[in-house]
Protein backbone atom coordinates (compact mmCIF):
# COMPACT_ATOMS: atom_id res chain seq x y z
CA UNK A 1 87.44 88.80 75.18
CA UNK A 2 85.13 89.50 77.57
CA UNK A 3 84.99 86.41 80.68
CA UNK A 4 82.71 83.97 80.13
CA UNK A 5 82.02 83.94 83.94
CA UNK A 6 81.88 86.10 86.68
CA UNK A 7 85.22 86.65 88.54
CA UNK A 8 83.29 86.29 91.84
CA UNK A 9 79.79 85.83 91.45
CA UNK A 10 78.63 86.90 94.82
CA UNK A 11 80.70 90.73 94.10
CA UNK A 12 78.29 93.38 93.70
CA UNK A 13 78.95 94.58 90.09
CA UNK A 14 80.01 90.69 89.13
CA UNK A 15 79.03 90.30 85.20
CA UNK A 16 79.73 94.33 84.46
CA UNK A 17 82.12 94.65 81.52
CA UNK A 18 84.19 97.72 81.58
CA UNK A 19 86.92 98.69 79.62
CA UNK A 20 89.59 100.94 80.75
CA UNK A 21 91.21 103.73 78.47
CA UNK A 22 93.13 105.80 81.20
CA UNK A 23 96.30 106.07 83.03
CA UNK A 24 98.32 107.46 86.14
CA UNK A 25 95.87 107.57 88.42
CA UNK A 26 92.22 109.14 88.45
CA UNK A 27 90.87 106.91 85.90
CA UNK A 28 92.66 103.80 87.08
CA UNK A 29 91.88 104.08 90.45
CA UNK A 30 87.86 104.34 88.74
CA UNK A 31 88.68 100.91 86.89
CA UNK A 32 90.00 99.30 90.32
CA UNK A 33 87.34 100.11 92.06
CA UNK A 34 85.20 98.61 89.87
CA UNK A 35 87.49 95.33 89.89
CA UNK A 36 87.16 95.26 93.05
CA UNK A 37 83.31 95.34 92.72
CA UNK A 38 83.09 92.81 90.78
CA UNK A 39 84.00 93.94 87.42
CA UNK A 40 85.55 92.52 84.87
CA UNK A 41 87.86 95.13 83.67
CA UNK A 42 89.82 94.92 80.24
CA UNK A 43 92.94 97.75 81.14
CA UNK A 44 94.19 98.98 76.89
CA UNK A 45 98.05 99.95 76.77
CA UNK A 46 99.82 101.22 74.30
CA UNK A 47 102.76 99.43 73.57
CA UNK A 48 104.76 101.27 76.17
CA UNK A 49 102.23 99.95 78.76
CA UNK A 50 100.74 102.45 81.17
CA UNK A 51 104.07 104.86 82.19
CA UNK A 52 103.31 104.45 85.82
CA UNK A 53 105.00 101.22 85.36
CA UNK A 54 108.05 103.19 85.37
CA UNK A 55 107.22 106.05 87.96
CA UNK A 56 110.15 104.15 90.70
CA UNK A 57 111.56 104.41 92.84
CA UNK A 58 110.30 102.13 94.86
CA UNK A 59 109.50 98.77 92.54
CA UNK A 60 107.78 95.02 93.04
CA UNK A 61 109.51 92.79 91.64
CA UNK A 62 107.32 89.71 90.30
CA UNK A 63 107.52 87.40 87.72
CA UNK A 64 106.64 87.95 83.73
CA UNK A 65 104.92 85.60 81.40
CA UNK A 66 108.56 84.17 79.84
CA UNK A 67 109.48 83.24 83.41
CA UNK A 68 112.19 86.20 83.50
CA UNK A 69 111.69 88.72 87.27
CA UNK A 70 109.77 92.16 86.10
CA UNK A 71 110.10 95.13 88.30
CA UNK A 72 107.41 97.72 88.10
CA UNK A 73 106.53 100.66 90.29
CA UNK A 74 104.62 100.40 93.79
CA UNK A 75 102.87 103.03 92.16
CA UNK A 76 101.32 101.11 89.43
CA UNK A 77 100.31 98.38 91.45
CA UNK A 78 98.20 100.93 94.00
CA UNK A 79 95.21 101.40 91.35
CA UNK A 80 95.88 98.78 88.58
CA UNK A 81 94.54 95.94 90.79
CA UNK A 82 91.79 93.05 89.12
CA UNK A 83 92.37 93.96 85.27
CA UNK A 84 93.23 92.55 82.64
CA UNK A 85 95.64 93.91 80.03
CA UNK A 86 95.27 94.29 76.73
CA UNK A 87 98.01 96.35 73.97
CA UNK A 88 96.58 98.10 71.18
CA UNK A 89 98.46 101.35 68.79
CA UNK A 90 95.88 103.18 68.26
CA UNK A 91 97.64 103.77 65.00
CA UNK A 92 96.98 100.07 63.95
CA UNK A 93 93.32 100.35 62.40
CA UNK A 94 93.13 96.32 63.11
CA UNK A 95 94.07 97.71 66.80
CA UNK A 96 90.78 100.05 66.54
CA UNK A 97 89.02 97.41 64.98
CA UNK A 98 89.60 95.63 68.29
CA UNK A 99 89.46 97.72 70.69
CA UNK A 100 86.03 99.71 69.09
CA UNK A 101 84.48 95.55 69.43
CA UNK A 102 85.52 95.59 72.57
CA UNK A 103 83.32 98.73 73.24
CA UNK A 104 80.13 97.55 71.62
CA UNK A 105 79.96 94.88 73.94
CA UNK A 106 80.97 96.63 77.15
CA UNK A 107 78.94 98.25 79.71
CA UNK A 108 81.01 100.76 80.84
CA UNK A 109 84.33 103.38 79.28
CA UNK A 110 86.50 104.66 81.32
CA UNK A 111 88.88 107.51 79.75
CA UNK A 112 91.11 110.11 80.82
CA UNK A 113 92.36 111.18 77.72
CA UNK A 114 92.54 115.35 76.63
CA UNK A 115 89.12 116.71 75.56
CA UNK A 116 88.30 115.55 72.11
CA UNK A 117 91.95 113.15 71.72
CA UNK A 118 89.88 110.31 70.94
CA UNK A 119 87.69 111.36 68.20
CA UNK A 120 90.35 110.57 65.86
CA UNK A 121 90.32 107.63 67.11
CA UNK A 122 86.61 106.85 66.45
CA UNK A 123 86.48 105.87 70.04
CA UNK A 124 84.02 109.37 72.00
CA UNK A 125 81.01 109.02 72.94
CA UNK A 126 79.21 110.06 69.96
CA UNK A 127 80.93 107.14 67.68
CA UNK A 128 80.15 104.88 70.06
CA UNK A 129 77.01 105.55 71.20
CA UNK A 130 76.33 104.75 67.73
CA UNK A 131 77.26 100.70 67.94
CA UNK A 132 76.26 100.67 71.55
CA UNK A 133 73.44 102.76 72.98
CA UNK A 134 73.74 100.76 76.53
CA UNK A 135 77.27 102.26 77.12
CA UNK A 136 78.03 104.56 80.03
CA UNK A 137 81.22 106.44 79.17
CA UNK A 138 82.80 108.14 81.59
CA UNK A 139 85.51 110.76 80.58
CA UNK A 140 87.98 112.08 83.93
CA UNK A 141 89.89 115.36 82.75
CA UNK A 142 91.30 118.00 83.99
CA UNK A 143 88.61 120.60 83.76
CA UNK A 144 85.56 118.82 81.77
CA UNK A 145 84.58 118.64 78.39
CA UNK A 146 82.99 122.50 78.30
CA UNK A 147 84.22 125.45 79.65
CA UNK A 148 87.61 127.83 78.50
CA UNK A 149 90.26 125.55 79.94
CA UNK A 150 88.26 122.40 78.46
CA UNK A 151 91.38 121.61 76.31
CA UNK A 152 94.19 121.64 78.48
CA UNK A 153 95.66 118.83 80.61
CA UNK A 154 95.07 118.60 84.11
CA UNK A 155 97.58 118.32 87.03
CA UNK A 156 96.91 116.65 90.62
CA UNK A 157 99.14 119.70 92.11
CA UNK A 158 98.06 121.90 89.73
CA UNK A 159 94.29 121.72 90.54
CA UNK A 160 95.01 121.34 94.52
CA UNK A 161 96.33 124.92 94.19
CA UNK A 162 93.18 126.23 91.56
CA UNK A 163 90.43 124.61 93.61
CA UNK A 164 91.71 126.52 97.27
CA UNK A 165 92.76 123.31 98.54
CA UNK A 166 96.23 125.13 98.84
CA UNK A 167 94.93 127.70 100.23
CA UNK A 168 93.47 125.94 103.20
CA UNK A 169 96.21 124.41 104.16
CA UNK A 170 99.25 124.41 105.97
CA UNK A 171 99.97 127.15 108.91
CA UNK A 172 98.79 130.27 109.25
CA UNK A 173 101.80 132.37 108.16
CA UNK A 174 103.46 129.66 106.03
CA UNK A 175 103.71 128.62 102.71
CA UNK A 176 100.48 126.72 101.07
CA UNK A 177 100.62 123.34 101.06
CA UNK A 178 98.91 120.42 99.03
CA UNK A 179 98.09 117.46 100.88
CA UNK A 180 100.10 114.26 100.91
CA UNK A 181 98.47 112.44 99.00
CA UNK A 182 97.02 112.66 95.35
CA UNK A 183 93.33 113.69 96.63
CA UNK A 184 92.16 115.41 93.65
CA UNK A 185 93.25 112.65 91.31
CA UNK A 186 91.71 110.38 93.72
CA UNK A 187 88.54 112.30 94.83
CA UNK A 188 87.93 112.54 91.56
CA UNK A 189 88.22 108.93 90.89
CA UNK A 190 85.30 108.24 93.28
CA UNK A 191 83.34 110.57 92.34
CA UNK A 192 83.74 109.02 88.60
CA UNK A 193 82.65 105.29 90.36
CA UNK A 194 78.95 107.10 91.86
CA UNK A 195 78.75 108.74 88.96
CA UNK A 196 78.98 105.57 86.42
CA UNK A 197 76.53 103.51 89.09
CA UNK A 198 73.88 106.17 88.90
CA UNK A 199 74.08 105.97 85.27
CA UNK A 200 73.89 102.54 85.30
CA UNK A 201 70.59 102.90 87.71
CA UNK A 202 69.37 105.65 85.06
CA UNK A 203 69.98 102.58 82.23
CA UNK A 204 67.83 100.49 83.94
CA UNK A 205 64.97 102.54 83.28
CA UNK A 206 65.77 104.19 79.98
CA UNK A 207 67.74 101.41 78.19
CA UNK A 208 70.43 104.12 77.47
CA UNK A 209 73.36 104.76 78.57
CA UNK A 210 75.24 107.94 78.47
CA UNK A 211 78.09 110.30 78.67
CA UNK A 212 79.30 111.04 82.20
CA UNK A 213 81.37 114.67 81.95
CA UNK A 214 84.19 114.77 85.31
CA UNK A 215 86.63 117.02 85.74
CA UNK A 216 89.32 117.23 88.44
CA UNK A 217 88.25 120.99 89.55
CA UNK A 218 84.83 120.34 89.35
CA UNK A 219 85.46 117.23 92.07
CA UNK A 220 87.84 119.41 93.90
CA UNK A 221 85.40 122.62 94.24
CA UNK A 222 82.72 120.32 95.56
CA UNK A 223 84.56 119.48 98.42
CA UNK A 224 84.75 122.97 99.79
CA UNK A 225 82.24 122.19 102.11
CA UNK A 226 81.92 123.85 104.91
CA UNK A 227 84.71 126.51 103.73
CA UNK A 228 82.78 127.40 100.39
CA UNK A 229 79.71 128.31 102.93
CA UNK A 230 82.21 130.63 104.88
CA UNK A 231 82.80 132.67 101.75
CA UNK A 232 79.11 132.56 100.49
CA UNK A 233 78.01 133.75 104.05
CA UNK A 234 80.56 136.12 105.18
CA UNK A 235 81.63 137.29 101.89
CA UNK A 236 84.96 136.60 102.97
CA UNK A 237 87.94 134.10 102.76
CA UNK A 238 88.54 131.42 105.36
CA UNK A 239 91.58 131.25 106.57
CA UNK A 240 93.82 128.74 106.70
CA UNK A 241 94.62 127.06 109.82
CA UNK A 242 97.35 124.48 110.36
CA UNK A 243 95.83 122.21 112.79
CA UNK A 244 92.81 123.96 114.41
CA UNK A 245 89.45 124.03 113.47
CA UNK A 246 87.39 127.42 113.13
CA UNK A 247 84.66 126.18 114.89
CA UNK A 248 86.27 124.56 117.79
CA UNK A 249 88.76 124.57 120.66
CA UNK A 250 90.96 123.15 122.30
CA UNK A 251 90.82 120.94 119.00
CA UNK A 252 94.08 120.36 117.52
CA UNK A 253 97.43 118.37 118.28
CA UNK A 254 98.98 117.81 121.45
CA UNK A 255 102.65 116.83 123.14
CA UNK A 256 102.60 113.82 125.73
CA UNK A 257 106.04 112.36 127.22
CA UNK A 258 106.34 110.40 124.13
CA UNK A 259 104.97 111.56 121.11
CA UNK A 260 102.11 113.58 119.90
CA UNK A 261 98.15 112.71 120.53
CA UNK A 262 95.22 114.55 118.47
CA UNK A 263 92.46 115.70 120.39
CA UNK A 264 88.54 116.64 118.68
CA UNK A 265 86.26 117.41 121.93
CA UNK A 266 83.89 118.98 119.65
CA UNK A 267 81.18 120.06 121.69
CA UNK A 268 81.09 121.05 125.28
CA UNK A 269 80.56 117.90 127.02
CA UNK A 270 83.44 116.28 125.11
CA UNK A 271 85.22 119.18 126.40
CA UNK A 272 84.10 118.76 129.86
CA UNK A 273 85.38 115.26 129.71
CA UNK A 274 88.48 116.04 128.57
CA UNK A 275 89.08 118.11 131.77
CA UNK A 276 88.50 115.70 133.78
CA UNK A 277 90.81 113.22 132.27
CA UNK A 278 93.69 115.72 131.92
CA UNK A 279 92.93 116.63 135.60
CA UNK A 280 91.62 120.02 135.16
CA UNK A 281 87.97 119.97 136.91
CA UNK A 282 89.40 123.80 138.39
CA UNK A 283 88.29 125.06 134.59
CA UNK A 284 84.25 123.01 134.70
CA UNK A 285 83.00 126.55 135.41
CA UNK A 286 86.23 129.38 134.07
CA UNK A 287 83.87 131.46 132.08
CA UNK A 288 86.09 131.76 129.38
CA UNK A 289 85.64 128.68 128.37
CA UNK A 290 82.62 126.81 129.57
CA UNK A 291 81.06 127.82 125.77
CA UNK A 292 82.27 127.66 122.56
CA UNK A 293 82.34 131.05 121.17
CA UNK A 294 84.83 131.29 124.74
CA UNK A 295 86.85 128.67 123.79
CA UNK A 296 87.38 130.15 120.66
CA UNK A 297 88.04 133.85 121.99
CA UNK A 298 90.55 132.25 124.44
CA UNK A 299 91.72 129.55 122.00
CA UNK A 300 95.41 130.46 122.31
CA UNK A 301 95.40 130.46 126.51
CA UNK A 302 93.85 126.86 126.17
CA UNK A 303 95.60 125.48 124.22
CA UNK A 304 98.47 126.26 126.34
CA UNK A 305 96.71 124.67 129.39
CA UNK A 306 95.80 121.83 127.30
CA UNK A 307 99.10 121.47 126.75
CA UNK A 308 100.89 121.70 129.55
CA UNK A 309 98.08 118.72 130.86
CA UNK A 310 99.38 116.50 128.36
CA UNK A 311 102.97 116.98 127.70
CA UNK A 312 103.17 114.75 131.06
CA UNK A 313 101.39 111.78 130.43
CA UNK A 314 102.83 108.75 127.94
CA UNK A 315 100.59 108.61 124.75
CA UNK A 316 99.30 105.57 125.44
CA UNK A 317 97.96 105.77 128.75
CA UNK A 318 96.47 109.02 127.79
CA UNK A 319 94.83 107.31 124.51
CA UNK A 320 93.43 104.87 127.06
CA UNK A 321 91.62 107.17 129.42
CA UNK A 322 90.29 109.28 126.84
CA UNK A 323 88.79 106.43 124.45
CA UNK A 324 87.46 104.52 128.48
CA UNK A 325 86.07 108.65 129.29
CA UNK A 326 83.88 108.66 125.65
CA UNK A 327 86.93 111.58 124.50
CA UNK A 328 87.53 111.46 120.96
CA UNK A 329 91.55 111.30 120.67
CA UNK A 330 93.72 109.77 118.56
CA UNK A 331 97.99 108.69 117.95
CA UNK A 332 99.95 110.60 114.88
CA UNK A 333 100.76 107.59 113.08
CA UNK A 334 103.32 106.85 110.82
CA UNK A 335 102.21 104.63 107.49
CA UNK A 336 103.68 101.99 108.99
CA UNK A 337 102.18 102.05 112.54
CA UNK A 338 99.03 102.52 110.09
CA UNK A 339 98.92 98.72 108.87
CA UNK A 340 100.25 97.28 112.19
CA UNK A 341 96.90 99.33 113.93
CA UNK A 342 95.04 96.42 115.14
CA UNK A 343 92.50 97.95 113.92
CA UNK A 344 93.24 98.17 110.61
CA UNK A 345 94.63 94.66 111.01
CA UNK A 346 90.74 93.49 112.02
CA UNK A 347 88.80 94.87 109.44
CA UNK A 348 91.40 93.60 106.73
CA UNK A 349 92.75 97.28 105.23
CA UNK A 350 96.22 95.09 104.77
CA UNK A 351 95.96 92.73 101.09
CA UNK A 352 98.05 90.31 99.39
CA UNK A 353 97.70 89.14 95.65
CA UNK A 354 100.02 87.04 94.01
CA UNK A 355 102.58 88.31 96.31
CA UNK A 356 102.31 91.62 95.57
CA UNK A 357 100.81 93.73 98.42
CA UNK A 358 97.97 96.04 98.42
CA UNK A 359 94.84 98.33 100.16
CA UNK A 360 91.97 97.01 99.81
CA UNK A 361 88.44 99.14 98.47
CA UNK A 362 86.76 100.08 102.09
CA UNK A 363 83.65 98.72 101.44
CA UNK A 364 82.11 95.94 103.11
CA UNK A 365 78.98 93.90 102.61
CA UNK A 366 76.37 92.10 104.27
CA UNK A 367 75.40 90.04 101.95
CA UNK A 368 78.20 90.56 99.17
CA UNK A 369 81.67 90.32 99.24
CA UNK A 370 84.50 92.15 96.63
CA UNK A 371 86.57 90.41 94.10
CA UNK A 372 90.04 90.20 95.74
CA UNK A 373 91.64 87.51 93.50
CA UNK A 374 94.18 88.75 91.08
CA UNK A 375 97.24 91.40 91.16
CA UNK A 376 97.53 94.28 88.73
CA UNK A 377 98.50 92.81 85.29
CA UNK A 378 101.77 92.62 83.93
CA UNK A 379 101.72 94.24 80.61
CA UNK A 380 99.71 92.61 78.07
CA UNK A 381 99.48 89.60 79.57
CA UNK A 382 95.59 89.43 77.77
CA UNK A 383 96.30 89.91 74.58
């Protein structure tokens, strides 16, 4: 069942065998990232398939193995590229034996079942470790394998609320807001790839795999960075600030004559350059604004001055002037504008595999390349 030859022999993880017992987003994101890096990823699906195949609209249509047109949710294609699909019914003893046989030869297994749910099928880490001591077994759950909530299901929206993300996101006087992407799922997926690769590196020293225990809540809390340090240093919760920055001003969204831009002059030198770009050299020696502390203390006045100066300038002209002066600035792009941006186009971020569009993993190597050779699999196409 495993491939005899690597999908791309010059991909970083060429020859790595990954068994994916995962669905929805966090687990499949791990599998897709490893597949992009060249691993042979076999996705085990129930007879009904990964539920996200039906999470439309929007839909993607393609020809199925029987020649008939099939449609699957675009959501599914966002995180299942480069894999093979094998159907297994865990209520069937023969199917369980087949999955266990694949695990016996695998380097990595990724699963996102509820804590303890795979024990009754003999597909938990302890059971598979007995037949494959080199297996790196990554479990992704909402809350991890231990703790009072270990057996609860985890959902991105809930985790964004619990982790503090929503307390930090949104306007100061508005409702707490979730982020526009499933940041908790995606971050856990990326941290899981780091954990898997670390365990594989350790296996080179010890000869043994291990259990990698990943939790959405842990990964989201781990992203709090300077916001957690605000609490630890002051004993107070950091405030929700919308588009403002706690340590920098003028830093935010400002109007132009034909749209909005982001300005991010994060130090004294960049702030002085910003004033010169905006033709407000008269403020260079204004004591209210010569230091970071002064700019923060007079944030409202400064933002109003900057907004007045930017409002009459065409967006493209102002951004060009900022780029020439070395002032950090950029447009606020809609998603279609993102993929039309010359920088994004030059970097080849949008890909097309068999007529199915996608976004490549943002990894570029000097001596290797990604294995971008196949779209998301049709349900059960490999058996």
